[in-house]
Amino acid sequence: MTQKPSSKARKAPDALLIIAAVLAFAVACTWLVPSGAFERVEVQTEAGTRTAVVPGTYHAVDATPVPWWGFFTAPVKGFTDHQAAMIIAFVLLIGGAFAVLNATGAIDAALYRVLRSAREHPGRKKLVIPALMLAFSIGGNTFGMAEEVLVFLMITIPLARSLGWDAVVGVAIPFLGSGVGFAGAAFNPFTVGIAQGLSELPLFSGWEFRMVMWAVLTGIAIIFVMRYAARIERDPKASILHGHGDAGADVGGLGKGR
């Protein structure tokens, strides 16, 4: 006997509920986990003085568990901390700007413009992959674009199909682009910003080296996708989706122009 599907679709917990659960768990850990500390020394660097941990000096200390009201005051204290406040403001401003830009349809319009330009000027077709992957990589580098690229698959997949490539290229453009940007980021608030804040380093210091790494990783990813796309153009059977149906073809009608 088959079971009837539930009439109520399951929804993911709200982000604030998840954050509250993590905060409650952290407060509970202050009561359960033994306390310890490292000795620290002041270190003079080119960027100024910072506190550094002395290796091998870990020792047990008296526990200072967070009281129950700390659950409510911790977020406020986080906002008042100078280093944390800079990261929070950066995330809110960049994330808000991206949300506004996306809501206006400017990003979608830009992708359609790229497709139209590639059709009207066939010589520009080879620039589609590097231009779009560079744009997504910049997003990963600056404001940590990652899972947000899911919304663009309904555009990049049919865009790739209409230009003679397969759905793999359509997925690789946003995912590899943002992925290498995120991995080699110089200004990503979720990796570089938080890590440097915890390490008491100047916010986004060392960005010059990471920008070089970002450029190298982005270039490698672009070359990889372009070589795969060129192989498909020479021989459509070289697609890893060959024989698996018309996966991703003309989703949403983008291939018909607009």
Protein backbone atom coordinates (compact mmCIF):
# COMPACT_ATOMS: atom_id res chain seq x y z
CA MET A 1 0.00 0.00 0.00
CA THR A 2 1.54 3.27 -1.12
CA GLN A 3 1.71 6.21 1.24
CA LYS A 4 0.17 9.47 0.21
CA PRO A 5 2.62 12.36 -0.02
CA SER A 6 2.34 14.86 2.77
CA SER A 7 0.23 17.87 1.91
CA LYS A 8 2.64 20.13 3.77
CA ALA A 9 5.95 20.63 2.02
CA ARG A 10 8.98 20.57 4.25
CA LYS A 11 10.70 23.90 4.60
CA ALA A 12 14.25 24.60 5.72
CA PRO A 13 14.52 26.30 9.12
CA ASP A 14 14.77 30.07 9.09
CA ALA A 15 18.32 31.43 9.10
CA LEU A 16 17.74 33.24 12.40
CA LEU A 17 16.60 29.98 14.01
CA ILE A 18 19.78 28.24 12.84
CA ILE A 19 21.94 31.07 14.20
CA ALA A 20 20.09 30.98 17.53
CA ALA A 21 20.63 27.22 17.79
CA VAL A 22 24.36 27.60 17.11
CA LEU A 23 24.59 30.38 19.69
CA ALA A 24 22.76 28.28 22.29
CA PHE A 25 25.11 25.38 21.60
CA ALA A 26 28.14 27.66 22.04
CA VAL A 27 26.80 28.92 25.37
CA ALA A 28 26.21 25.34 26.54
CA CYS A 29 29.77 24.40 25.58
CA THR A 30 31.15 27.01 27.98
CA TRP A 31 29.60 24.94 30.80
CA LEU A 32 30.64 21.52 29.47
CA VAL A 33 34.05 21.92 27.82
CA PRO A 34 37.09 22.30 30.12
CA SER A 35 38.65 25.76 29.88
CA GLY A 36 42.22 26.40 28.79
CA ALA A 37 44.38 29.13 27.34
CA PHE A 38 47.68 29.84 25.60
CA GLU A 39 50.16 32.46 26.67
CA ARG A 40 50.26 35.43 24.33
CA VAL A 41 52.90 38.00 23.47
CA GLU A 42 52.86 41.29 21.64
CA VAL A 43 54.46 41.04 18.20
CA GLN A 44 55.56 44.03 16.17
CA THR A 45 54.78 43.80 12.44
CA GLU A 46 54.84 46.18 9.51
CA ALA A 47 51.10 46.68 9.94
CA GLY A 48 51.43 47.40 13.68
CA THR A 49 51.34 45.49 16.95
CA ARG A 50 49.29 42.33 17.29
CA THR A 51 48.88 39.55 19.83
CA ALA A 52 50.40 36.16 18.96
CA VAL A 53 49.96 32.74 20.58
CA VAL A 54 53.06 31.10 22.08
CA PRO A 55 53.19 27.45 20.92
CA GLY A 56 53.31 24.76 23.60
CA THR A 57 52.02 26.99 26.40
CA TYR A 58 48.46 25.64 26.62
CA HIS A 59 47.30 25.18 30.21
CA ALA A 60 44.05 24.70 32.08
CA VAL A 61 42.38 27.75 33.60
CA ASP A 62 39.38 28.33 35.81
CA ALA A 63 36.15 27.99 33.89
CA THR A 64 34.13 31.13 33.19
CA PRO A 65 30.86 29.80 31.78
CA VAL A 66 28.55 32.22 30.04
CA PRO A 67 25.38 32.91 32.07
CA TRP A 68 22.01 32.26 30.50
CA TRP A 69 21.49 35.95 29.69
CA GLY A 70 24.69 35.86 27.65
CA PHE A 71 22.60 34.22 24.93
CA PHE A 72 20.84 37.57 24.48
CA THR A 73 23.77 39.94 25.02
CA ALA A 74 26.32 38.11 22.83
CA PRO A 75 24.92 39.43 19.51
CA VAL A 76 25.05 42.99 20.81
CA LYS A 77 28.64 42.57 21.97
CA GLY A 78 29.51 41.18 18.55
CA PHE A 79 28.20 44.31 16.86
CA THR A 80 30.15 46.59 19.20
CA ASP A 81 33.48 44.84 18.61
CA HIS A 82 35.45 46.98 16.17
CA GLN A 83 36.82 44.16 14.01
CA ALA A 84 33.53 42.27 13.93
CA ALA A 85 31.57 45.44 13.19
CA MET A 86 33.71 46.11 10.11
CA ILE A 87 33.05 42.62 8.76
CA ILE A 88 29.31 42.83 9.51
CA ALA A 89 29.02 46.21 7.79
CA PHE A 90 30.97 44.93 4.79
CA VAL A 91 28.75 41.87 4.41
CA LEU A 92 25.53 43.86 4.77
CA LEU A 93 26.57 46.55 2.29
CA ILE A 94 27.94 44.21 -0.37
CA GLY A 95 25.16 41.65 0.06
CA GLY A 96 22.50 44.36 -0.04
CA ALA A 97 24.00 45.93 -3.13
CA PHE A 98 24.05 42.56 -4.89
CA ALA A 99 20.42 41.86 -3.88
CA VAL A 100 19.29 45.23 -5.26
CA LEU A 101 21.24 44.70 -8.48
CA ASN A 102 19.78 41.22 -8.92
CA ALA A 103 16.23 42.41 -8.15
CA THR A 104 16.40 45.03 -10.90
CA GLY A 105 17.10 42.32 -13.47
CA ALA A 106 20.37 43.99 -14.48
CA ILE A 107 22.35 40.75 -14.20
CA ASP A 108 19.88 38.79 -16.30
CA ALA A 109 19.81 41.59 -18.87
CA ALA A 110 23.61 41.57 -19.05
CA LEU A 111 23.64 37.82 -19.72
CA TYR A 112 21.06 38.21 -22.48
CA ARG A 113 23.13 41.02 -23.94
CA VAL A 114 26.17 38.76 -24.00
CA LEU A 115 24.20 36.09 -25.86
CA ARG A 116 22.83 38.58 -28.39
CA SER A 117 26.28 40.04 -28.99
CA ALA A 118 27.78 36.58 -29.54
CA ARG A 119 25.08 35.78 -32.12
CA GLU A 120 25.40 39.06 -33.98
CA HIS A 121 29.19 38.96 -33.94
CA PRO A 122 30.42 35.33 -34.13
CA GLY A 123 33.98 36.44 -33.45
CA ARG A 124 32.96 37.43 -29.93
CA LYS A 125 31.76 33.94 -29.08
CA LYS A 126 35.16 32.94 -27.72
CA LEU A 127 34.97 35.83 -25.24
CA VAL A 128 31.71 34.65 -23.64
CA ILE A 129 33.28 32.08 -21.30
CA PRO A 130 36.16 34.23 -20.00
CA ALA A 131 33.97 37.31 -19.59
CA LEU A 132 31.24 35.54 -17.62
CA MET A 133 33.60 33.41 -15.54
CA LEU A 134 35.63 36.51 -14.66
CA ALA A 135 32.46 38.28 -13.53
CA PHE A 136 31.43 35.36 -11.30
CA SER A 137 34.99 35.05 -9.99
CA ILE A 138 34.98 38.71 -8.99
CA GLY A 139 31.76 38.04 -7.09
CA GLY A 140 33.39 35.16 -5.21
CA ASN A 141 36.47 37.27 -4.54
CA THR A 142 34.70 40.32 -3.15
CA PHE A 143 31.49 39.33 -1.37
CA GLY A 144 31.77 35.55 -1.21
CA MET A 145 29.39 34.59 -4.01
CA ALA A 146 28.89 30.84 -3.83
CA GLU A 147 25.48 29.16 -3.65
CA GLU A 148 23.88 32.33 -5.08
CA VAL A 149 24.94 31.17 -8.55
CA LEU A 150 22.19 28.54 -8.50
CA VAL A 151 19.69 31.15 -9.68
CA PHE A 152 21.78 31.81 -12.79
CA LEU A 153 21.78 28.22 -14.04
CA MET A 154 18.45 28.78 -15.76
CA ILE A 155 20.27 31.36 -17.89
CA THR A 156 23.80 30.04 -18.31
CA ILE A 157 22.76 26.49 -19.28
CA PRO A 158 20.51 27.50 -22.20
CA LEU A 159 23.04 30.21 -23.10
CA ALA A 160 25.75 27.55 -23.43
CA ARG A 161 23.41 25.24 -25.38
CA SER A 162 22.43 27.98 -27.81
CA LEU A 163 26.11 28.68 -28.55
CA GLY A 164 26.82 25.04 -29.41
CA TRP A 165 28.14 23.78 -26.08
CA ASP A 166 26.53 21.47 -23.53
CA ALA A 167 24.96 21.85 -20.08
CA VAL A 168 28.30 21.10 -18.41
CA VAL A 169 29.69 24.36 -19.78
CA GLY A 170 26.56 26.17 -18.60
CA VAL A 171 27.07 24.85 -15.07
CA ALA A 172 30.83 25.36 -15.08
CA ILE A 173 30.66 29.04 -16.00
CA PRO A 174 29.00 30.21 -12.76
CA PHE A 175 30.11 27.41 -10.42
CA LEU A 176 33.79 27.23 -11.37
CA GLY A 177 33.94 30.99 -11.78
CA SER A 178 32.59 31.76 -8.33
CA GLY A 179 34.36 28.73 -6.83
CA VAL A 180 37.87 29.81 -7.77
CA GLY A 181 37.01 33.37 -6.81
CA PHE A 182 35.87 32.18 -3.40
CA ALA A 183 38.91 29.93 -2.92
CA GLY A 184 41.50 32.51 -3.94
CA ALA A 185 39.65 35.51 -2.54
CA ALA A 186 41.43 38.61 -1.34
CA PHE A 187 38.40 40.34 0.17
CA ASN A 188 35.95 37.53 0.94
CA PRO A 189 34.36 38.49 4.29
CA PHE A 190 33.41 34.88 5.08
CA THR A 191 36.91 33.45 4.80
CA VAL A 192 39.57 36.14 4.85
CA GLY A 193 37.65 38.67 6.93
CA ILE A 194 36.54 36.33 9.71
CA ALA A 195 39.86 34.45 9.83
CA GLN A 196 41.88 37.64 10.10
CA GLY A 197 39.52 38.99 12.72
CA LEU A 198 40.02 35.90 14.88
CA SER A 199 43.78 36.04 14.29
CA GLU A 200 43.92 39.73 15.23
CA LEU A 201 45.41 40.64 11.86
CA PRO A 202 44.63 43.88 10.02
CA LEU A 203 41.47 43.38 8.01
CA PHE A 204 42.25 42.14 4.46
CA SER A 205 46.00 42.51 4.98
CA GLY A 206 48.13 40.55 2.50
CA TRP A 207 45.62 41.16 -0.26
CA GLU A 208 48.38 41.62 -2.84
CA PHE A 209 49.51 37.98 -2.67
CA ARG A 210 45.96 36.68 -2.66
CA MET A 211 45.08 38.80 -5.70
CA VAL A 212 47.91 37.11 -7.59
CA MET A 213 46.64 33.68 -6.51
CA TRP A 214 43.09 34.67 -7.46
CA ALA A 215 44.23 35.71 -10.94
CA VAL A 216 46.16 32.47 -11.43
CA LEU A 217 43.29 30.24 -10.26
CA THR A 218 40.75 32.15 -12.33
CA GLY A 219 42.94 31.90 -15.42
CA ILE A 220 43.37 28.14 -14.98
CA ALA A 221 39.63 27.63 -14.57
CA ILE A 222 38.82 29.72 -17.65
CA ILE A 223 41.35 27.84 -19.80
CA PHE A 224 39.97 24.50 -18.56
CA VAL A 225 36.37 25.36 -19.50
CA MET A 226 37.37 26.94 -22.83
CA ARG A 227 39.34 23.85 -23.84
CA TYR A 228 36.37 21.63 -23.00
CA ALA A 229 34.01 23.89 -24.97
CA ALA A 230 36.38 23.92 -27.96
CA ARG A 231 36.55 20.11 -27.89
CA ILE A 232 32.76 19.94 -28.05
CA GLU A 233 32.66 22.35 -30.99
CA ARG A 234 35.04 20.11 -32.94
CA ASP A 235 33.24 16.91 -32.00
CA PRO A 236 29.85 17.04 -30.22
CA LYS A 237 30.34 13.41 -29.23
CA ALA A 238 33.18 14.53 -26.95
CA SER A 239 30.61 15.92 -24.52
CA ILE A 240 30.39 13.90 -21.32
CA LEU A 241 26.60 14.19 -21.71
CA HIS A 242 26.62 12.59 -25.15
CA GLY A 243 24.08 9.80 -25.22
CA HIS A 244 22.30 10.99 -22.08
CA GLY A 245 19.57 13.02 -23.74
CA ASP A 246 19.28 16.72 -24.46
CA ALA A 247 20.21 17.73 -20.91
CA GLY A 248 19.70 21.40 -20.22
CA ALA A 249 18.70 22.30 -23.75
CA ASP A 250 17.02 25.66 -24.18
CA VAL A 251 15.72 25.90 -20.60
CA GLY A 252 13.33 28.81 -20.30
CA GLY A 253 13.49 29.61 -24.00
CA LEU A 254 16.72 31.58 -23.85
CA GLY A 255 18.01 29.88 -26.94
CA LYS A 256 15.26 31.57 -28.96
CA GLY A 257 16.58 35.01 -28.20
CA ARG A 258 14.96 37.87 -26.47
